[in-house]
Structures are given as C-alpha cells and as structure tokens.
C-alpha cells in the first residue's frame, strides 16, 4: 500500500482551512492532514518540525504572505499547492512555472486533479527551480518571462520560449520542437500549451499546429496554404485560421 501524503494547511482564514479540510475528506486514503496553521510564522515552525510532503499555502496573508514565507525557508523539499483568489497575472505565472494552485472556493474536481498530479511528482526534485521561476515572475510583474516549464512523462523541461519553433497536437499530449532540433513530448494538450505561450509570438494555424512566427520563412498560398519554417518543416494552415495568420503580417 502506498504511503499517504503528509500535508499541512496554512491559511489565515479559519473558514478556508475548514472548507479545504472538508473537501479533503474524500481523499483520506491519499492525504493525511498533519497540521493546520493560521499564519506564516506558525507555518514555518510546523514545516521545520513536521517535514511535510505537501503544503497547501494561502498567498494573501497579513504580515508575511505565502511567497515571503517560502523565501524564509532554507530548503523547500516538499510539494506546494497555492490556494488563492489571486488576479489573472498570478494565474498566468503559475501556468508558466508549472506550479499547482487551487482557486477559492476549492472544488472537488480541481482538488482531484491536483492530488493526482502531486502523487505522480512527489519524489521529483524540481520544486526549487519551479519556485525560483515563479518568484522571478511575481517580483518582476513581467508576463514576457523568457523561459517556460514543460512537463514531460519523466521530467520538467525548462526551455527558452524564443527557441520553440512549433508545437503539434497528439491527443491529450503535445510535441514541442526547438531550434536545436530537440523534440519534447509534453503532458499537456495543445490548447494548454497555447495558453502558456500567449503573448510570445505564437499563432494557432491549424487545430493540430501552433507556430512561432519568428521562425516562419515562407507562406505558400492555397485554400488554407502552408507555412515553410526556417528549419525546412512544412506546416499546413487551415482555411478558418488563414485570416488570423494574415492579420499578423
């Protein structure tokens, strides 16, 4: 039998803790709540004492917020799920850095997805790098952050966005191709990858293809037409996407 994930909830609102705890009752075979903290300072002490596998962390807390609390820790060797009613920029930052978050009020469906993901990655050592990227995003307030974190089956790949040439759908997964002729099989749909790359010169030219316009060499006219990329690859353009593509030039 697999071990339960030992978790701490940190939130300055008692009602929020109770609401999350209630939702977690459906996952009692997966999650064991070992402590509940009403402030960041209590949370730091509990983390050092209990050494959890997972922390459900509220961002907006008085005196010390969730991000500031994490910066005060010498080591982050546990998974983190942010619980937040934060603005759209924060949600974009979470997506780019591949961090997990739950919007308040937490619902059972979102919680199930997050716990399933946490169970898979509980032993992976990528959390520190993810957090460094997230901190940089939040501090700079820069949605044009140059690097993206893409989860594959076995790793979390950190790739410079401008080096991505194109992305191709494979059902619930996506192939991501770079200028170094590398190919990554990403465990996200093309739509999810497209959302992560918004604002970074990418255009959906076909239901199965997303292209970085910086790497387009030629457009061949036709019903929809075709794009020839600088690496020689030819990408079809669907008729209903042709107009959107032409508006960019």
Protein backbone atom coordinates (compact mmCIF):
# COMPACT_ATOMS: atom_id res chain seq x y z
CA UNK A 1 0.00 0.00 0.00
CA UNK A 2 1.40 3.41 -0.95
CA UNK A 3 2.14 5.87 1.84
CA UNK A 4 -0.24 8.71 2.49
CA UNK A 5 0.87 12.21 1.50
CA UNK A 6 1.53 14.10 4.75
CA UNK A 7 0.14 17.62 4.36
CA UNK A 8 -0.04 20.94 6.20
CA UNK A 9 -2.65 23.63 5.52
CA UNK A 10 -1.52 27.24 6.01
CA UNK A 11 -4.19 29.94 5.75
CA UNK A 12 -5.05 32.95 7.91
CA UNK A 13 -8.78 32.33 7.47
CA UNK A 14 -10.14 29.55 9.67
CA UNK A 15 -13.17 29.12 7.41
CA UNK A 16 -10.92 28.49 4.41
CA UNK A 17 -8.98 25.84 6.31
CA UNK A 18 -12.20 24.12 7.35
CA UNK A 19 -13.58 24.26 3.80
CA UNK A 20 -10.43 22.71 2.33
CA UNK A 21 -10.30 20.12 5.09
CA UNK A 22 -13.90 19.18 4.29
CA UNK A 23 -13.09 18.69 0.60
CA UNK A 24 -10.02 16.63 1.51
CA UNK A 25 -12.16 14.13 3.42
CA UNK A 26 -12.91 12.46 0.07
CA UNK A 27 -9.18 11.80 -0.29
CA UNK A 28 -8.47 10.42 3.18
CA UNK A 29 -6.78 7.37 1.65
CA UNK A 30 -4.35 9.69 -0.16
CA UNK A 31 -3.84 12.69 2.14
CA UNK A 32 -3.16 12.92 5.87
CA UNK A 33 -3.50 16.42 7.36
CA UNK A 34 -0.78 16.59 10.00
CA UNK A 35 -1.17 20.26 10.95
CA UNK A 36 -3.20 23.43 10.32
CA UNK A 37 -1.67 26.90 10.71
CA UNK A 38 -3.32 30.32 10.82
CA UNK A 39 -0.21 32.36 9.98
CA UNK A 40 3.02 32.19 8.01
CA UNK A 41 5.11 32.20 11.19
CA UNK A 42 3.19 29.19 12.53
CA UNK A 43 3.59 27.57 9.14
CA UNK A 44 7.38 27.95 9.15
CA UNK A 45 7.62 26.34 12.58
CA UNK A 46 5.31 23.49 11.58
CA UNK A 47 7.21 22.79 8.35
CA UNK A 48 10.53 22.61 10.19
CA UNK A 49 9.06 20.37 12.88
CA UNK A 50 6.83 18.05 10.82
CA UNK A 51 8.70 17.88 7.48
CA UNK A 52 5.57 17.50 5.32
CA UNK A 53 5.34 16.04 1.83
CA UNK A 54 2.87 18.73 0.78
CA UNK A 55 1.81 22.22 1.88
CA UNK A 56 -1.49 23.85 0.92
CA UNK A 57 -0.46 27.51 1.12
CA UNK A 58 -2.60 30.64 1.02
CA UNK A 59 -0.90 33.56 -0.74
CA UNK A 60 -2.65 36.56 0.74
CA UNK A 61 -1.87 36.53 4.45
CA UNK A 62 -1.15 39.52 6.72
CA UNK A 63 2.40 40.43 7.81
CA UNK A 64 4.06 37.66 5.79
CA UNK A 65 2.39 36.44 2.61
CA UNK A 66 2.81 32.97 1.12
CA UNK A 67 5.67 33.87 -1.22
CA UNK A 68 7.57 35.70 1.53
CA UNK A 69 7.09 32.73 3.84
CA UNK A 70 8.71 30.36 1.35
CA UNK A 71 11.68 32.70 0.92
CA UNK A 72 12.34 32.46 4.65
CA UNK A 73 12.85 28.70 4.46
CA UNK A 74 16.37 27.38 3.98
CA UNK A 75 15.15 24.45 1.90
CA UNK A 76 11.95 23.60 0.08
CA UNK A 77 11.83 19.82 -0.13
CA UNK A 78 8.05 19.46 -0.23
CA UNK A 79 5.35 19.97 -2.85
CA UNK A 80 3.29 23.17 -2.77
CA UNK A 81 -0.29 23.86 -3.79
CA UNK A 82 -1.21 27.53 -3.58
CA UNK A 83 -4.77 28.28 -2.51
CA UNK A 84 -5.72 31.68 -3.81
CA UNK A 85 -8.28 34.13 -5.13
CA UNK A 86 -5.39 35.94 -6.83
CA UNK A 87 -5.51 38.02 -10.03
CA UNK A 88 -5.07 36.83 -13.60
CA UNK A 89 -1.37 37.68 -13.71
CA UNK A 90 -0.70 35.27 -10.86
CA UNK A 91 -2.61 32.51 -12.63
CA UNK A 92 -0.51 33.11 -15.76
CA UNK A 93 2.65 32.94 -13.66
CA UNK A 94 1.55 29.65 -12.12
CA UNK A 95 0.92 28.18 -15.58
CA UNK A 96 4.30 29.23 -16.95
CA UNK A 97 6.19 27.90 -13.95
CA UNK A 98 4.13 24.69 -13.81
CA UNK A 99 3.16 25.28 -10.19
CA UNK A 100 -0.09 23.93 -8.75
CA UNK A 101 -2.84 26.16 -7.45
CA UNK A 102 -6.46 25.95 -6.34
CA UNK A 103 -8.89 28.82 -6.69
CA UNK A 104 -11.07 29.57 -3.70
CA UNK A 105 -13.62 28.27 -3.04
CA UNK A 106 -11.90 24.96 -3.73
CA UNK A 107 -13.97 22.44 -5.62
CA UNK A 108 -13.66 18.66 -5.62
CA UNK A 109 -12.85 18.31 -9.32
CA UNK A 110 -9.87 20.68 -9.22
CA UNK A 111 -8.65 19.11 -5.99
CA UNK A 112 -8.75 15.63 -7.53
CA UNK A 113 -6.62 16.77 -10.49
CA UNK A 114 -4.05 18.44 -8.26
CA UNK A 115 -3.74 15.48 -5.88
CA UNK A 116 -3.31 13.09 -8.81
CA UNK A 117 -0.50 15.26 -10.16
CA UNK A 118 1.14 15.62 -6.75
CA UNK A 119 1.08 11.85 -6.25
CA UNK A 120 2.98 11.40 -9.52
CA UNK A 121 5.63 14.01 -8.81
CA UNK A 122 6.03 13.61 -5.05
CA UNK A 123 9.56 12.22 -5.43
CA UNK A 124 10.73 14.58 -8.20
CA UNK A 125 13.33 17.21 -7.19
CA UNK A 126 12.11 20.07 -9.42
CA UNK A 127 10.28 22.17 -6.82
CA UNK A 128 13.14 24.57 -6.03
CA UNK A 129 13.65 25.54 -9.66
CA UNK A 130 9.92 25.92 -10.23
CA UNK A 131 9.67 28.25 -7.27
CA UNK A 132 12.66 30.33 -8.36
CA UNK A 133 10.96 30.90 -11.70
CA UNK A 134 7.66 31.74 -10.03
CA UNK A 135 9.29 34.23 -7.64
CA UNK A 136 11.01 35.92 -10.58
CA UNK A 137 7.71 36.22 -12.42
CA UNK A 138 5.84 37.64 -9.47
CA UNK A 139 8.57 40.11 -8.50
CA UNK A 140 9.16 41.48 -11.98
CA UNK A 141 5.45 41.51 -12.90
CA UNK A 142 6.69 40.53 -16.34
CA UNK A 143 4.37 38.28 -18.36
CA UNK A 144 7.05 38.15 -21.09
CA UNK A 145 9.26 35.89 -18.96
CA UNK A 146 11.70 34.20 -21.41
CA UNK A 147 11.55 30.62 -20.11
CA UNK A 148 8.73 28.09 -19.87
CA UNK A 149 8.49 24.93 -17.77
CA UNK A 150 7.03 22.00 -19.71
CA UNK A 151 6.16 18.70 -18.00
CA UNK A 152 7.05 15.52 -19.89
CA UNK A 153 6.33 11.98 -18.71
CA UNK A 154 9.53 11.82 -16.65
CA UNK A 155 10.91 15.36 -16.35
CA UNK A 156 10.15 19.04 -16.16
CA UNK A 157 11.89 20.74 -19.08
CA UNK A 158 12.89 24.42 -18.86
CA UNK A 159 13.02 25.85 -22.38
CA UNK A 160 13.67 29.35 -23.72
CA UNK A 161 10.42 30.37 -25.40
CA UNK A 162 12.06 32.00 -28.41
CA UNK A 163 13.82 28.69 -29.12
CA UNK A 164 10.50 26.90 -29.61
CA UNK A 165 9.78 26.59 -33.34
CA UNK A 166 6.41 24.86 -33.35
CA UNK A 167 4.08 22.60 -31.38
CA UNK A 168 1.97 19.72 -32.67
CA UNK A 169 -1.03 18.11 -31.02
CA UNK A 170 -1.10 14.40 -30.18
CA UNK A 171 -4.50 13.98 -28.49
CA UNK A 172 -4.00 14.91 -24.81
CA UNK A 173 -0.27 15.43 -25.34
CA UNK A 174 1.82 17.83 -27.40
CA UNK A 175 5.10 17.58 -29.30
CA UNK A 176 7.25 20.68 -28.81
CA UNK A 177 10.09 21.29 -31.30
CA UNK A 178 13.05 23.64 -30.77
CA UNK A 179 15.72 25.27 -32.96
CA UNK A 180 18.22 22.76 -31.54
CA UNK A 181 16.21 20.00 -33.28
CA UNK A 182 15.06 18.72 -29.91
CA UNK A 183 11.59 17.21 -29.53
CA UNK A 184 9.70 17.07 -26.23
CA UNK A 185 6.59 15.01 -25.59
CA UNK A 186 4.66 17.25 -23.21
CA UNK A 187 1.86 16.01 -20.98
CA UNK A 188 -0.45 18.93 -21.84
CA UNK A 189 -2.93 19.47 -24.63
CA UNK A 190 -2.06 21.87 -27.44
CA UNK A 191 -4.69 24.28 -26.09
CA UNK A 192 -2.98 24.29 -22.69
CA UNK A 193 0.43 24.89 -24.29
CA UNK A 194 -1.08 27.66 -26.41
CA UNK A 195 -2.40 29.39 -23.27
CA UNK A 196 1.03 29.14 -21.66
CA UNK A 197 2.64 30.78 -24.71
CA UNK A 198 0.19 33.68 -25.13
CA UNK A 199 1.99 36.95 -25.72
CA UNK A 200 5.08 35.24 -27.11
CA UNK A 201 4.62 35.42 -30.92
CA UNK A 202 2.79 32.11 -31.31
CA UNK A 203 -0.20 31.62 -33.60
CA UNK A 204 -2.56 28.66 -33.97
CA UNK A 205 -2.60 27.95 -37.72
CA UNK A 206 -4.39 24.61 -37.59
CA UNK A 207 -6.31 22.61 -34.99
CA UNK A 208 -3.16 20.47 -34.62
CA UNK A 209 -0.42 23.08 -35.08
CA UNK A 210 0.94 26.07 -33.16
CA UNK A 211 3.77 28.06 -34.77
CA UNK A 212 6.28 30.66 -33.58
CA UNK A 213 6.02 33.43 -36.19
CA UNK A 214 9.69 34.33 -35.62
CA UNK A 215 10.61 31.03 -37.30
CA UNK A 216 8.41 31.37 -40.42
CA UNK A 217 10.34 31.61 -43.70
CA UNK A 218 7.60 31.46 -46.34
CA UNK A 219 3.84 31.24 -46.82
CA UNK A 220 2.61 29.16 -49.77
CA UNK A 221 -0.82 30.30 -50.95
CA UNK A 222 -3.74 27.90 -51.25
CA UNK A 223 -7.16 27.25 -49.71
CA UNK A 224 -5.55 27.45 -46.37
CA UNK A 225 -1.99 27.35 -47.55
CA UNK A 226 1.20 26.10 -45.99
CA UNK A 227 3.96 27.60 -43.90
CA UNK A 228 7.58 26.79 -44.57
CA UNK A 229 9.63 27.23 -41.41
CA UNK A 230 13.29 28.24 -41.32
CA UNK A 231 14.25 24.67 -40.46
CA UNK A 232 12.55 23.41 -43.64
CA UNK A 233 9.49 21.94 -41.94
CA UNK A 234 6.16 22.49 -43.74
CA UNK A 235 3.07 23.21 -41.61
CA UNK A 236 -0.49 23.20 -43.05
CA UNK A 237 -2.71 26.25 -42.48
CA UNK A 238 -6.42 25.54 -42.13
CA UNK A 239 -8.89 27.72 -44.06
CA UNK A 240 -10.51 29.09 -40.91
CA UNK A 241 -7.13 30.05 -39.44
CA UNK A 242 -5.75 31.71 -42.58
CA UNK A 243 -7.33 35.11 -41.87
CA UNK A 244 -5.91 35.22 -38.33
CA UNK A 245 -2.46 34.41 -39.70
CA UNK A 246 -2.60 37.11 -42.40
CA UNK A 247 -3.52 39.77 -39.83
CA UNK A 248 -0.12 39.30 -38.22
CA UNK A 249 1.78 40.45 -41.31
